[in-house]
C-alpha cells in the first residue's frame, strides 16, 4: 500500500467504530472517519464466525489487495475499517474489489473521474 498504512491498535478501531460513519453491502461493512493525516489508514476485521484462520486470512489478503490496487481512487486523510460478514466466506477477488469500490462510492470517498 503506497499511500496508506495499516490501522493496528484496538483504540484506533474503537475510535472509528464510535465516531465514524458506516455503510454495508452483502459482503462487508465499511466504517470511515477523517484522521487529519496526509495518508489513509486501513483496518480489516474478520470474525471467527466467518471461518477458521485459513479462511479469515484469505479474506484479509483479498481485501488488502483489492484496496491496494484501487488505492489511488480513494481520497486521502481517512481511517477506513472494513469488517467481513459471514457471506464473505466464499467471495472471489473480483467480487471483493467490486464490493470495496461500491462501499467507497456509498461513502463518497472516491475521487472524481472527471479529473483524469
PDB file of N, CA and C in Angstrom:
ATOM      1  N   UNK A   1       0.849  -1.174   0.000  1.00  0.00           N
ATOM      2  CA  UNK A   1       0.000   0.000   0.000  1.00  0.00           C
ATOM      3  C   UNK A   1       0.894   1.236   0.000  1.00  0.00           C
ATOM      4  N   UNK A   2       0.918   1.899  -1.118  1.00  0.00           N
ATOM      5  CA  UNK A   2       1.818   3.021  -1.329  1.00  0.00           C
ATOM      6  C   UNK A   2       1.428   4.253  -0.517  1.00  0.00           C
ATOM      7  N   UNK A   3       0.128   4.581  -0.534  1.00  0.00           N
ATOM      8  CA  UNK A   3      -0.331   5.821   0.097  1.00  0.00           C
ATOM      9  C   UNK A   3      -0.956   5.582   1.461  1.00  0.00           C
ATOM     10  N   UNK A   4      -0.982   4.358   1.918  1.00  0.00           N
ATOM     11  CA  UNK A   4      -1.694   4.019   3.144  1.00  0.00           C
ATOM     12  C   UNK A   4      -0.831   3.189   4.079  1.00  0.00           C
ATOM     13  N   UNK A   5      -1.290   3.102   5.313  1.00  0.00           N
ATOM     14  CA  UNK A   5      -0.659   2.199   6.270  1.00  0.00           C
ATOM     15  C   UNK A   5      -1.761   1.437   6.994  1.00  0.00           C
ATOM     16  N   UNK A   6      -1.357   0.483   7.795  1.00  0.00           N
ATOM     17  CA  UNK A   6      -2.334  -0.347   8.499  1.00  0.00           C
ATOM     18  C   UNK A   6      -2.797   0.330   9.777  1.00  0.00           C
ATOM     19  N   UNK A   7      -4.034   0.085  10.111  1.00  0.00           N
ATOM     20  CA  UNK A   7      -4.602   0.519  11.384  1.00  0.00           C
ATOM     21  C   UNK A   7      -4.455  -0.669  12.312  1.00  0.00           C
ATOM     22  N   UNK A   8      -3.673  -0.526  13.384  1.00  0.00           N
ATOM     23  CA  UNK A   8      -3.325  -1.693  14.183  1.00  0.00           C
ATOM     24  C   UNK A   8      -3.894  -1.701  15.596  1.00  0.00           C
ATOM     25  N   UNK A   9      -3.870  -0.568  16.265  1.00  0.00           N
ATOM     26  CA  UNK A   9      -4.258  -0.548  17.673  1.00  0.00           C
ATOM     27  C   UNK A   9      -5.768  -0.648  17.860  1.00  0.00           C
ATOM     28  N   UNK A  10      -6.153  -1.391  18.863  1.00  0.00           N
ATOM     29  CA  UNK A  10      -7.564  -1.573  19.194  1.00  0.00           C
ATOM     30  C   UNK A  10      -8.251  -0.235  19.466  1.00  0.00           C
ATOM     31  N   UNK A  11      -7.539   0.701  20.100  1.00  0.00           N
ATOM     32  CA  UNK A  11      -8.133   2.001  20.410  1.00  0.00           C
ATOM     33  C   UNK A  11      -8.458   2.779  19.142  1.00  0.00           C
ATOM     34  N   UNK A  12      -7.643   2.617  18.088  1.00  0.00           N
ATOM     35  CA  UNK A  12      -7.934   3.279  16.811  1.00  0.00           C
ATOM     36  C   UNK A  12      -9.193   2.690  16.177  1.00  0.00           C
ATOM     37  N   UNK A  13      -9.304   1.358  16.231  1.00  0.00           N
ATOM     38  CA  UNK A  13     -10.506   0.704  15.714  1.00  0.00           C
ATOM     39  C   UNK A  13     -11.742   1.205  16.465  1.00  0.00           C
ATOM     40  N   UNK A  14     -11.661   1.245  17.801  1.00  0.00           N
ATOM     41  CA  UNK A  14     -12.798   1.678  18.615  1.00  0.00           C
ATOM     42  C   UNK A  14     -13.198   3.112  18.291  1.00  0.00           C
ATOM     43  N   UNK A  15     -12.209   3.981  18.072  1.00  0.00           N
ATOM     44  CA  UNK A  15     -12.478   5.374  17.722  1.00  0.00           C
ATOM     45  C   UNK A  15     -13.245   5.455  16.401  1.00  0.00           C
ATOM     46  N   UNK A  16     -12.839   4.662  15.408  1.00  0.00           N
ATOM     47  CA  UNK A  16     -13.527   4.670  14.112  1.00  0.00           C
ATOM     48  C   UNK A  16     -14.943   4.114  14.268  1.00  0.00           C
ATOM     49  N   UNK A  17     -15.112   3.047  15.059  1.00  0.00           N
ATOM     50  CA  UNK A  17     -16.443   2.481  15.284  1.00  0.00           C
ATOM     51  C   UNK A  17     -17.373   3.503  15.945  1.00  0.00           C
ATOM     52  N   UNK A  18     -16.848   4.215  16.960  1.00  0.00           N
ATOM     53  CA  UNK A  18     -17.670   5.148  17.721  1.00  0.00           C
ATOM     54  C   UNK A  18     -18.013   6.408  16.934  1.00  0.00           C
ATOM     55  N   UNK A  19     -17.025   6.958  16.239  1.00  0.00           N
ATOM     56  CA  UNK A  19     -17.195   8.277  15.633  1.00  0.00           C
ATOM     57  C   UNK A  19     -17.357   8.257  14.110  1.00  0.00           C
ATOM     58  N   UNK A  20     -17.104   7.132  13.500  1.00  0.00           N
ATOM     59  CA  UNK A  20     -17.166   7.061  12.043  1.00  0.00           C
ATOM     60  C   UNK A  20     -18.562   6.779  11.532  1.00  0.00           C
ATOM     61  N   UNK A  21     -18.680   6.851  10.214  1.00  0.00           N
ATOM     62  CA  UNK A  21     -19.943   6.574   9.542  1.00  0.00           C
ATOM     63  C   UNK A  21     -19.809   5.221   8.855  1.00  0.00           C
ATOM     64  N   UNK A  22     -20.886   4.443   8.836  1.00  0.00           N
ATOM     65  CA  UNK A  22     -20.782   3.103   8.253  1.00  0.00           C
ATOM     66  C   UNK A  22     -21.816   2.879   7.171  1.00  0.00           C
ATOM     67  N   UNK A  23     -21.402   2.103   6.176  1.00  0.00           N
ATOM     68  CA  UNK A  23     -22.289   1.590   5.135  1.00  0.00           C
ATOM     69  C   UNK A  23     -21.951   0.121   4.957  1.00  0.00           C
ATOM     70  N   UNK A  24     -22.916  -0.629   4.470  1.00  0.00           N
ATOM     71  CA  UNK A  24     -22.695  -2.065   4.318  1.00  0.00           C
ATOM     72  C   UNK A  24     -23.246  -2.545   2.979  1.00  0.00           C
ATOM     73  N   UNK A  25     -22.686  -3.644   2.512  1.00  0.00           N
ATOM     74  CA  UNK A  25     -23.274  -4.367   1.391  1.00  0.00           C
ATOM     75  C   UNK A  25     -23.299  -5.835   1.768  1.00  0.00           C
ATOM     76  N   UNK A  26     -23.472  -6.714   0.801  1.00  0.00           N
ATOM     77  CA  UNK A  26     -23.661  -8.133   1.101  1.00  0.00           C
ATOM     78  C   UNK A  26     -22.458  -8.768   1.794  1.00  0.00           C
ATOM     79  N   UNK A  27     -21.254  -8.325   1.445  1.00  0.00           N
ATOM     80  CA  UNK A  27     -20.050  -8.989   1.942  1.00  0.00           C
ATOM     81  C   UNK A  27     -19.327  -8.246   3.066  1.00  0.00           C
ATOM     82  N   UNK A  28     -19.401  -6.921   3.082  1.00  0.00           N
ATOM     83  CA  UNK A  28     -18.585  -6.142   4.015  1.00  0.00           C
ATOM     84  C   UNK A  28     -19.354  -4.987   4.624  1.00  0.00           C
ATOM     85  N   UNK A  29     -18.837  -4.505   5.761  1.00  0.00           N
ATOM     86  CA  UNK A  29     -19.276  -3.262   6.378  1.00  0.00           C
ATOM     87  C   UNK A  29     -18.043  -2.356   6.385  1.00  0.00           C
ATOM     88  N   UNK A  30     -18.210  -1.104   5.977  1.00  0.00           N
ATOM     89  CA  UNK A  30     -17.078  -0.170   5.944  1.00  0.00           C
ATOM     90  C   UNK A  30     -17.379   1.027   6.835  1.00  0.00           C
ATOM     91  N   UNK A  31     -16.472   1.281   7.780  1.00  0.00           N
ATOM     92  CA  UNK A  31     -16.533   2.463   8.628  1.00  0.00           C
ATOM     93  C   UNK A  31     -15.469   3.439   8.134  1.00  0.00           C
ATOM     94  N   UNK A  32     -15.818   4.729   8.071  1.00  0.00           N
ATOM     95  CA  UNK A  32     -14.870   5.737   7.615  1.00  0.00           C
ATOM     96  C   UNK A  32     -14.892   6.912   8.584  1.00  0.00           C
ATOM     97  N   UNK A  33     -13.696   7.409   8.909  1.00  0.00           N
ATOM     98  CA  UNK A  33     -13.536   8.564   9.793  1.00  0.00           C
ATOM     99  C   UNK A  33     -12.334   9.366   9.311  1.00  0.00           C
ATOM    100  N   UNK A  34     -12.466  10.684   9.260  1.00  0.00           N
ATOM    101  CA  UNK A  34     -11.323  11.516   8.870  1.00  0.00           C
ATOM    102  C   UNK A  34     -10.262  11.462   9.967  1.00  0.00           C
ATOM    103  N   UNK A  35      -8.967  11.418   9.549  1.00  0.00           N
ATOM    104  CA  UNK A  35      -7.897  11.288  10.533  1.00  0.00           C
ATOM    105  C   UNK A  35      -6.940  12.471  10.565  1.00  0.00           C
ATOM    106  N   UNK A  36      -7.154  13.485   9.724  1.00  0.00           N
ATOM    107  CA  UNK A  36      -6.321  14.684   9.675  1.00  0.00           C
ATOM    108  C   UNK A  36      -4.853  14.379   9.397  1.00  0.00           C
ATOM    109  N   UNK A  37      -4.595  13.296   8.689  1.00  0.00           N
ATOM    110  CA  UNK A  37      -3.247  12.959   8.248  1.00  0.00           C
ATOM    111  C   UNK A  37      -3.209  13.040   6.728  1.00  0.00           C
ATOM    112  N   UNK A  38      -2.020  12.953   6.153  1.00  0.00           N
ATOM    113  CA  UNK A  38      -1.884  13.025   4.699  1.00  0.00           C
ATOM    114  C   UNK A  38      -2.169  11.686   4.034  1.00  0.00           C
ATOM    115  N   UNK A  39      -2.265  10.628   4.842  1.00  0.00           N
ATOM    116  CA  UNK A  39      -2.471   9.301   4.253  1.00  0.00           C
ATOM    117  C   UNK A  39      -3.646   8.591   4.900  1.00  0.00           C
ATOM    118  N   UNK A  40      -4.086   7.550   4.233  1.00  0.00           N
ATOM    119  CA  UNK A  40      -5.160   6.709   4.771  1.00  0.00           C
ATOM    120  C   UNK A  40      -4.582   5.636   5.673  1.00  0.00           C
ATOM    121  N   UNK A  41      -5.414   5.160   6.585  1.00  0.00           N
ATOM    122  CA  UNK A  41      -5.057   4.003   7.402  1.00  0.00           C
ATOM    123  C   UNK A  41      -6.176   2.991   7.234  1.00  0.00           C
ATOM    124  N   UNK A  42      -5.806   1.766   6.886  1.00  0.00           N
ATOM    125  CA  UNK A  42      -6.776   0.719   6.603  1.00  0.00           C
ATOM    126  C   UNK A  42      -6.732  -0.340   7.686  1.00  0.00           C
ATOM    127  N   UNK A  43      -7.877  -0.665   8.234  1.00  0.00           N
ATOM    128  CA  UNK A  43      -8.001  -1.749   9.195  1.00  0.00           C
ATOM    129  C   UNK A  43      -8.984  -2.777   8.669  1.00  0.00           C
ATOM    130  N   UNK A  44      -8.653  -4.048   8.838  1.00  0.00           N
ATOM    131  CA  UNK A  44      -9.515  -5.120   8.354  1.00  0.00           C
ATOM    132  C   UNK A  44      -9.841  -6.041   9.526  1.00  0.00           C
ATOM    133  N   UNK A  45     -11.113  -6.351   9.686  1.00  0.00           N
ATOM    134  CA  UNK A  45     -11.550  -7.205  10.783  1.00  0.00           C
ATOM    135  C   UNK A  45     -12.366  -8.365  10.228  1.00  0.00           C
ATOM    136  N   UNK A  46     -11.941  -9.584  10.571  1.00  0.00           N
ATOM    137  CA  UNK A  46     -12.676 -10.778  10.146  1.00  0.00           C
ATOM    138  C   UNK A  46     -12.905 -11.637  11.392  1.00  0.00           C
ATOM    139  N   UNK A  47     -14.158 -11.798  11.764  1.00  0.00           N
ATOM    140  CA  UNK A  47     -14.526 -12.516  12.978  1.00  0.00           C
ATOM    141  C   UNK A  47     -14.350 -14.024  12.826  1.00  0.00           C
ATOM    142  N   UNK A  48     -14.254 -14.709  13.954  1.00  0.00           N
ATOM    143  CA  UNK A  48     -14.185 -16.171  13.939  1.00  0.00           C
ATOM    144  C   UNK A  48     -15.469 -16.791  13.410  1.00  0.00           C
ATOM    145  N   UNK A  49     -16.566 -16.041  13.439  1.00  0.00           N
ATOM    146  CA  UNK A  49     -17.830 -16.538  12.900  1.00  0.00           C
ATOM    147  C   UNK A  49     -17.726 -16.806  11.395  1.00  0.00           C
ATOM    148  N   UNK A  50     -16.816 -16.081  10.726  1.00  0.00           N
ATOM    149  CA  UNK A  50     -16.685 -16.208   9.276  1.00  0.00           C
ATOM    150  C   UNK A  50     -16.055 -17.547   8.901  1.00  0.00           C
ATOM    151  N   UNK A  51     -15.093 -18.015   9.696  1.00  0.00           N
ATOM    152  CA  UNK A  51     -14.458 -19.290   9.386  1.00  0.00           C
ATOM    153  C   UNK A  51     -13.184 -19.484  10.175  1.00  0.00           C
ATOM    154  N   UNK A  52     -12.455 -20.536   9.834  1.00  0.00           N
ATOM    155  CA  UNK A  52     -11.205 -20.811  10.546  1.00  0.00           C
ATOM    156  C   UNK A  52     -10.118 -19.833  10.113  1.00  0.00           C
ATOM    157  N   UNK A  53      -8.928 -19.958  10.669  1.00  0.00           N
ATOM    158  CA  UNK A  53      -7.880 -18.967  10.435  1.00  0.00           C
ATOM    159  C   UNK A  53      -7.461 -18.897   8.970  1.00  0.00           C
ATOM    160  N   UNK A  54      -7.491 -20.014   8.269  1.00  0.00           N
ATOM    161  CA  UNK A  54      -7.114 -20.016   6.853  1.00  0.00           C
ATOM    162  C   UNK A  54      -8.082 -19.149   6.050  1.00  0.00           C
ATOM    163  N   UNK A  55      -9.370 -19.321   6.299  1.00  0.00           N
ATOM    164  CA  UNK A  55     -10.391 -18.541   5.595  1.00  0.00           C
ATOM    165  C   UNK A  55     -10.298 -17.067   5.975  1.00  0.00           C
ATOM    166  N   UNK A  56     -10.136 -16.799   7.277  1.00  0.00           N
ATOM    167  CA  UNK A  56     -10.050 -15.409   7.734  1.00  0.00           C
ATOM    168  C   UNK A  56      -8.862 -14.692   7.118  1.00  0.00           C
ATOM    169  N   UNK A  57      -7.698 -15.331   7.082  1.00  0.00           N
ATOM    170  CA  UNK A  57      -6.517 -14.701   6.496  1.00  0.00           C
ATOM    171  C   UNK A  57      -6.672 -14.535   4.991  1.00  0.00           C
ATOM    172  N   UNK A  58      -7.331 -15.486   4.340  1.00  0.00           N
ATOM    173  CA  UNK A  58      -7.577 -15.378   2.908  1.00  0.00           C
ATOM    174  C   UNK A  58      -8.434 -14.146   2.602  1.00  0.00           C
ATOM    175  N   UNK A  59      -9.499 -13.945   3.372  1.00  0.00           N
ATOM    176  CA  UNK A  59     -10.365 -12.785   3.174  1.00  0.00           C
ATOM    177  C   UNK A  59      -9.594 -11.500   3.439  1.00  0.00           C
ATOM    178  N   UNK A  60      -8.772 -11.496   4.490  1.00  0.00           N
ATOM    179  CA  UNK A  60      -7.961 -10.324   4.811  1.00  0.00           C
ATOM    180  C   UNK A  60      -7.038  -9.973   3.648  1.00  0.00           C
ATOM    181  N   UNK A  61      -6.386 -10.985   3.082  1.00  0.00           N
ATOM    182  CA  UNK A  61      -5.486 -10.732   1.954  1.00  0.00           C
ATOM    183  C   UNK A  61      -6.238 -10.232   0.730  1.00  0.00           C
ATOM    184  N   UNK A  62      -7.434 -10.788   0.472  1.00  0.00           N
ATOM    185  CA  UNK A  62      -8.245 -10.321  -0.656  1.00  0.00           C
ATOM    186  C   UNK A  62      -8.618  -8.850  -0.506  1.00  0.00           C
ATOM    187  N   UNK A  63      -9.071  -8.472   0.683  1.00  0.00           N
ATOM    188  CA  UNK A  63      -9.478  -7.087   0.923  1.00  0.00           C
ATOM    189  C   UNK A  63      -8.277  -6.155   0.807  1.00  0.00           C
ATOM    190  N   UNK A  64      -7.154  -6.532   1.402  1.00  0.00           N
ATOM    191  CA  UNK A  64      -5.964  -5.689   1.352  1.00  0.00           C
ATOM    192  C   UNK A  64      -5.486  -5.492  -0.089  1.00  0.00           C
ATOM    193  N   UNK A  65      -5.497  -6.559  -0.873  1.00  0.00           N
ATOM    194  CA  UNK A  65      -5.061  -6.474  -2.262  1.00  0.00           C
ATOM    195  C   UNK A  65      -6.042  -5.660  -3.103  1.00  0.00           C
ATOM    196  N   UNK A  66      -7.337  -5.847  -2.897  1.00  0.00           N
ATOM    197  CA  UNK A  66      -8.347  -5.069  -3.630  1.00  0.00           C
ATOM    198  C   UNK A  66      -8.176  -3.586  -3.329  1.00  0.00           C
ATOM    199  N   UNK A  67      -7.940  -3.253  -2.063  1.00  0.00           N
ATOM    200  CA  UNK A  67      -7.730  -1.851  -1.696  1.00  0.00           C
ATOM    201  C   UNK A  67      -6.424  -1.333  -2.295  1.00  0.00           C
ATOM    202  N   UNK A  68      -5.363  -2.120  -2.203  1.00  0.00           N
ATOM    203  CA  UNK A  68      -4.046  -1.685  -2.687  1.00  0.00           C
ATOM    204  C   UNK A  68      -4.081  -1.345  -4.173  1.00  0.00           C
ATOM    205  N   UNK A  69      -4.743  -2.169  -4.960  1.00  0.00           N
ATOM    206  CA  UNK A  69      -4.783  -1.937  -6.401  1.00  0.00           C
ATOM    207  C   UNK A  69      -5.701  -0.780  -6.798  1.00  0.00           C
ATOM    208  N   UNK A  70      -6.642  -0.424  -5.936  1.00  0.00           N
ATOM    209  CA  UNK A  70      -7.569   0.675  -6.222  1.00  0.00           C
ATOM    210  C   UNK A  70      -7.290   1.901  -5.362  1.00  0.00           C
ATOM    211  N   UNK A  71      -6.158   1.882  -4.675  1.00  0.00           N
ATOM    212  CA  UNK A  71      -5.835   2.895  -3.671  1.00  0.00           C
ATOM    213  C   UNK A  71      -5.857   4.325  -4.207  1.00  0.00           C
ATOM    214  N   UNK A  72      -5.389   4.524  -5.437  1.00  0.00           N
ATOM    215  CA  UNK A  72      -5.334   5.888  -5.986  1.00  0.00           C
ATOM    216  C   UNK A  72      -6.718   6.474  -6.226  1.00  0.00           C
ATOM    217  N   UNK A  73      -7.757   5.654  -6.209  1.00  0.00           N
ATOM    218  CA  UNK A  73      -9.120   6.147  -6.405  1.00  0.00           C
ATOM    219  C   UNK A  73      -9.715   6.727  -5.119  1.00  0.00           C
ATOM    220  N   UNK A  74      -9.106   6.429  -3.964  1.00  0.00           N
ATOM    221  CA  UNK A  74      -9.646   6.872  -2.684  1.00  0.00           C
ATOM    222  C   UNK A  74      -9.062   8.226  -2.287  1.00  0.00           C
ATOM    223  N   UNK A  75      -9.889   9.061  -1.638  1.00  0.00           N
ATOM    224  CA  UNK A  75      -9.405  10.323  -1.090  1.00  0.00           C
ATOM    225  C   UNK A  75      -8.429  10.045   0.046  1.00  0.00           C
ATOM    226  N   UNK A  76      -7.610  11.035   0.390  1.00  0.00           N
ATOM    227  CA  UNK A  76      -6.614  10.878   1.461  1.00  0.00           C
ATOM    228  C   UNK A  76      -7.141  11.422   2.781  1.00  0.00           C
ATOM    229  N   UNK A  77      -6.470  11.052   3.860  1.00  0.00           N
ATOM    230  CA  UNK A  77      -6.802  11.561   5.186  1.00  0.00           C
ATOM    231  C   UNK A  77      -7.946  10.838   5.860  1.00  0.00           C
ATOM    232  N   UNK A  78      -8.038   9.521   5.639  1.00  0.00           N
ATOM    233  CA  UNK A  78      -9.154   8.760   6.188  1.00  0.00           C
ATOM    234  C   UNK A  78      -8.676   7.540   6.957  1.00  0.00           C
ATOM    235  N   UNK A  79      -9.402   7.206   8.010  1.00  0.00           N
ATOM    236  CA  UNK A  79      -9.269   5.905   8.661  1.00  0.00           C
ATOM    237  C   UNK A  79     -10.408   5.051   8.125  1.00  0.00           C
ATOM    238  N   UNK A  80     -10.067   3.917   7.537  1.00  0.00           N
ATOM    239  CA  UNK A  80     -11.061   3.034   6.937  1.00  0.00           C
ATOM    240  C   UNK A  80     -10.978   1.679   7.631  1.00  0.00           C
ATOM    241  N   UNK A  81     -12.098   1.203   8.155  1.00  0.00           N
ATOM    242  CA  UNK A  81     -12.155  -0.131   8.750  1.00  0.00           C
ATOM    243  C   UNK A  81     -13.160  -0.945   7.943  1.00  0.00           C
ATOM    244  N   UNK A  82     -12.710  -2.098   7.446  1.00  0.00           N
ATOM    245  CA  UNK A  82     -13.578  -2.988   6.678  1.00  0.00           C
ATOM    246  C   UNK A  82     -13.794  -4.261   7.490  1.00  0.00           C
ATOM    247  N   UNK A  83     -15.062  -4.583   7.735  1.00  0.00           N
ATOM    248  CA  UNK A  83     -15.427  -5.762   8.509  1.00  0.00           C
ATOM    249  C   UNK A  83     -16.073  -6.765   7.561  1.00  0.00           C
ATOM    250  N   UNK A  84     -15.567  -7.983   7.573  1.00  0.00           N
ATOM    251  CA  UNK A  84     -16.121  -9.028   6.712  1.00  0.00           C
ATOM    252  C   UNK A  84     -17.364  -9.634   7.358  1.00  0.00           C
ATOM    253  N   UNK A  85     -18.387  -9.862   6.556  1.00  0.00           N
ATOM    254  CA  UNK A  85     -19.583 -10.552   7.011  1.00  0.00           C
ATOM    255  C   UNK A  85     -19.432 -12.038   6.720  1.00  0.00           C
ATOM    256  N   UNK A  86     -20.291 -12.849   7.306  1.00  0.00           N
ATOM    257  CA  UNK A  86     -20.219 -14.299   7.117  1.00  0.00           C
ATOM    258  C   UNK A  86     -20.350 -14.666   5.641  1.00  0.00           C
ATOM    259  N   UNK A  87     -21.129 -13.891   4.885  1.00  0.00           N
ATOM    260  CA  UNK A  87     -21.325 -14.183   3.459  1.00  0.00           C
ATOM    261  C   UNK A  87     -20.049 -13.990   2.639  1.00  0.00           C
ATOM    262  N   UNK A  88     -19.022 -13.375   3.216  1.00  0.00           N
ATOM    263  CA  UNK A  88     -17.758 -13.163   2.512  1.00  0.00           C
ATOM    264  C   UNK A  88     -16.894 -14.421   2.494  1.00  0.00           C
ATOM    265  N   UNK A  89     -17.370 -15.478   3.123  1.00  0.00           N
ATOM    266  CA  UNK A  89     -16.594 -16.709   3.240  1.00  0.00           C
ATOM    267  C   UNK A  89     -16.121 -17.257   1.900  1.00  0.00           C
ATOM    268  N   UNK A  90     -16.969 -17.239   0.890  1.00  0.00           N
ATOM    269  CA  UNK A  90     -16.625 -17.808  -0.411  1.00  0.00           C
ATOM    270  C   UNK A  90     -16.504 -16.749  -1.498  1.00  0.00           C
ATOM    271  N   UNK A  91     -16.151 -15.533  -1.128  1.00  0.00           N
ATOM    272  CA  UNK A  91     -16.094 -14.427  -2.070  1.00  0.00           C
ATOM    273  C   UNK A  91     -14.846 -14.531  -2.954  1.00  0.00           C
ATOM    274  N   UNK A  92     -14.997 -14.137  -4.228  1.00  0.00           N
ATOM    275  CA  UNK A  92     -13.847 -14.141  -5.140  1.00  0.00           C
ATOM    276  C   UNK A  92     -13.151 -12.782  -5.070  1.00  0.00           C
ATOM    277  N   UNK A  93     -11.979 -12.696  -5.705  1.00  0.00           N
ATOM    278  CA  UNK A  93     -11.247 -11.429  -5.702  1.00  0.00           C
ATOM    279  C   UNK A  93     -12.056 -10.337  -6.387  1.00  0.00           C
ATOM    280  N   UNK A  94     -12.646 -10.640  -7.541  1.00  0.00           N
ATOM    281  CA  UNK A  94     -13.375  -9.620  -8.301  1.00  0.00           C
ATOM    282  C   UNK A  94     -14.614  -9.134  -7.550  1.00  0.00           C
ATOM    283  N   UNK A  95     -15.284 -10.030  -6.844  1.00  0.00           N
ATOM    284  CA  UNK A  95     -16.418  -9.621  -6.015  1.00  0.00           C
ATOM    285  C   UNK A  95     -15.946  -8.741  -4.857  1.00  0.00           C
ATOM    286  N   UNK A  96     -14.790  -9.080  -4.298  1.00  0.00           N
ATOM    287  CA  UNK A  96     -14.223  -8.281  -3.211  1.00  0.00           C
ATOM    288  C   UNK A  96     -13.909  -6.877  -3.697  1.00  0.00           C
ATOM    289  N   UNK A  97     -13.240  -6.790  -4.841  1.00  0.00           N
ATOM    290  CA  UNK A  97     -12.880  -5.488  -5.401  1.00  0.00           C
ATOM    291  C   UNK A  97     -14.130  -4.656  -5.679  1.00  0.00           C
ATOM    292  N   UNK A  98     -15.139  -5.282  -6.291  1.00  0.00           N
ATOM    293  CA  UNK A  98     -16.388  -4.580  -6.588  1.00  0.00           C
ATOM    294  C   UNK A  98     -17.067  -4.101  -5.304  1.00  0.00           C
ATOM    295  N   UNK A  99     -17.063  -4.943  -4.268  1.00  0.00           N
ATOM    296  CA  UNK A  99     -17.711  -4.590  -3.001  1.00  0.00           C
ATOM    297  C   UNK A  99     -16.989  -3.431  -2.308  1.00  0.00           C
ATOM    298  N   UNK A 100     -15.660  -3.435  -2.330  1.00  0.00           N
ATOM    299  CA  UNK A 100     -14.887  -2.357  -1.694  1.00  0.00           C
ATOM    300  C   UNK A 100     -15.130  -1.030  -2.429  1.00  0.00           C
ATOM    301  N   UNK A 101     -15.112  -1.061  -3.764  1.00  0.00           N
ATOM    302  CA  UNK A 101     -15.374   0.159  -4.535  1.00  0.00           C
ATOM    303  C   UNK A 101     -16.816   0.637  -4.344  1.00  0.00           C
ATOM    304  N   UNK A 102     -17.753  -0.304  -4.243  1.00  0.00           N
ATOM    305  CA  UNK A 102     -19.153   0.055  -4.012  1.00  0.00           C
ATOM    306  C   UNK A 102     -19.299   0.795  -2.678  1.00  0.00           C
ATOM    307  N   UNK A 103     -18.646   0.287  -1.634  1.00  0.00           N
ATOM    308  CA  UNK A 103     -18.728   0.944  -0.321  1.00  0.00           C
ATOM    309  C   UNK A 103     -18.031   2.301  -0.334  1.00  0.00           C
ATOM    310  N   UNK A 104     -16.909   2.385  -1.039  1.00  0.00           N
ATOM    311  CA  UNK A 104     -16.237   3.678  -1.183  1.00  0.00           C
ATOM    312  C   UNK A 104     -17.125   4.688  -1.871  1.00  0.00           C
ATOM    313  N   UNK A 105     -17.869   4.230  -2.864  1.00  0.00           N
ATOM    314  CA  UNK A 105     -18.799   5.097  -3.586  1.00  0.00           C
ATOM    315  C   UNK A 105     -19.941   5.546  -2.669  1.00  0.00           C
ATOM    316  N   UNK A 106     -20.466   4.637  -1.854  1.00  0.00           N
ATOM    317  CA  UNK A 106     -21.532   4.998  -0.910  1.00  0.00           C
ATOM    318  C   UNK A 106     -21.065   6.055   0.084  1.00  0.00           C
ATOM    319  N   UNK A 107     -19.817   5.924   0.526  1.00  0.00           N
ATOM    320  CA  UNK A 107     -19.246   6.888   1.482  1.00  0.00           C
ATOM    321  C   UNK A 107     -18.837   8.196   0.811  1.00  0.00           C
ATOM    322  N   UNK A 108     -18.831   8.210  -0.522  1.00  0.00           N
ATOM    323  CA  UNK A 108     -18.372   9.365  -1.301  1.00  0.00           C
ATOM    324  C   UNK A 108     -16.914   9.699  -0.988  1.00  0.00           C
ATOM    325  N   UNK A 109     -16.073   8.660  -0.894  1.00  0.00           N
ATOM    326  CA  UNK A 109     -14.645   8.875  -0.630  1.00  0.00           C
ATOM    327  C   UNK A 109     -13.795   8.526  -1.843  1.00  0.00           C
ATOM    328  N   UNK A 110     -14.454   8.300  -2.980  1.00  0.00           N
ATOM    329  CA  UNK A 110     -13.706   8.041  -4.210  1.00  0.00           C
ATOM    330  C   UNK A 110     -13.506   9.353  -4.947  1.00  0.00           C
ATOM    331  N   UNK A 111     -12.332   9.505  -5.557  1.00  0.00           N
ATOM    332  CA  UNK A 111     -12.040  10.716  -6.320  1.00  0.00           C
ATOM    333  C   UNK A 111     -12.888  10.730  -7.573  1.00  0.00           C
ATOM    334  N   UNK A 112     -13.195  11.939  -8.050  1.00  0.00           N
ATOM    335  CA  UNK A 112     -13.990  12.097  -9.275  1.00  0.00           C
ATOM    336  C   UNK A 112     -13.179  11.647 -10.470  1.00  0.00           C
ATOM    337  N   UNK A 113     -13.818  10.955 -11.403  1.00  0.00           N
ATOM    338  CA  UNK A 113     -13.138  10.514 -12.625  1.00  0.00           C
ATOM    339  C   UNK A 113     -13.005  11.653 -13.623  1.00  0.00           C
ATOM    340  N   UNK A 114     -13.628  12.802 -13.377  1.00  0.00           N
ATOM    341  CA  UNK A 114     -13.540  13.922 -14.293  1.00  0.00           C
ATOM    342  C   UNK A 114     -12.159  14.565 -14.279  1.00  0.00           C
ATOM    343  N   UNK A 115     -11.376  14.306 -13.215  1.00  0.00           N
ATOM    344  CA  UNK A 115     -10.035  14.892 -13.106  1.00  0.00           C
ATOM    345  C   UNK A 115      -9.074  14.287 -14.121  1.00  0.00           C
ATOM    346  N   UNK A 116      -9.270  13.025 -14.509  1.00  0.00           N
ATOM    347  CA  UNK A 116      -8.325  12.366 -15.402  1.00  0.00           C
ATOM    348  C   UNK A 116      -8.661  12.527 -16.858  1.00  0.00           C
TER     349      UNK A 116
END
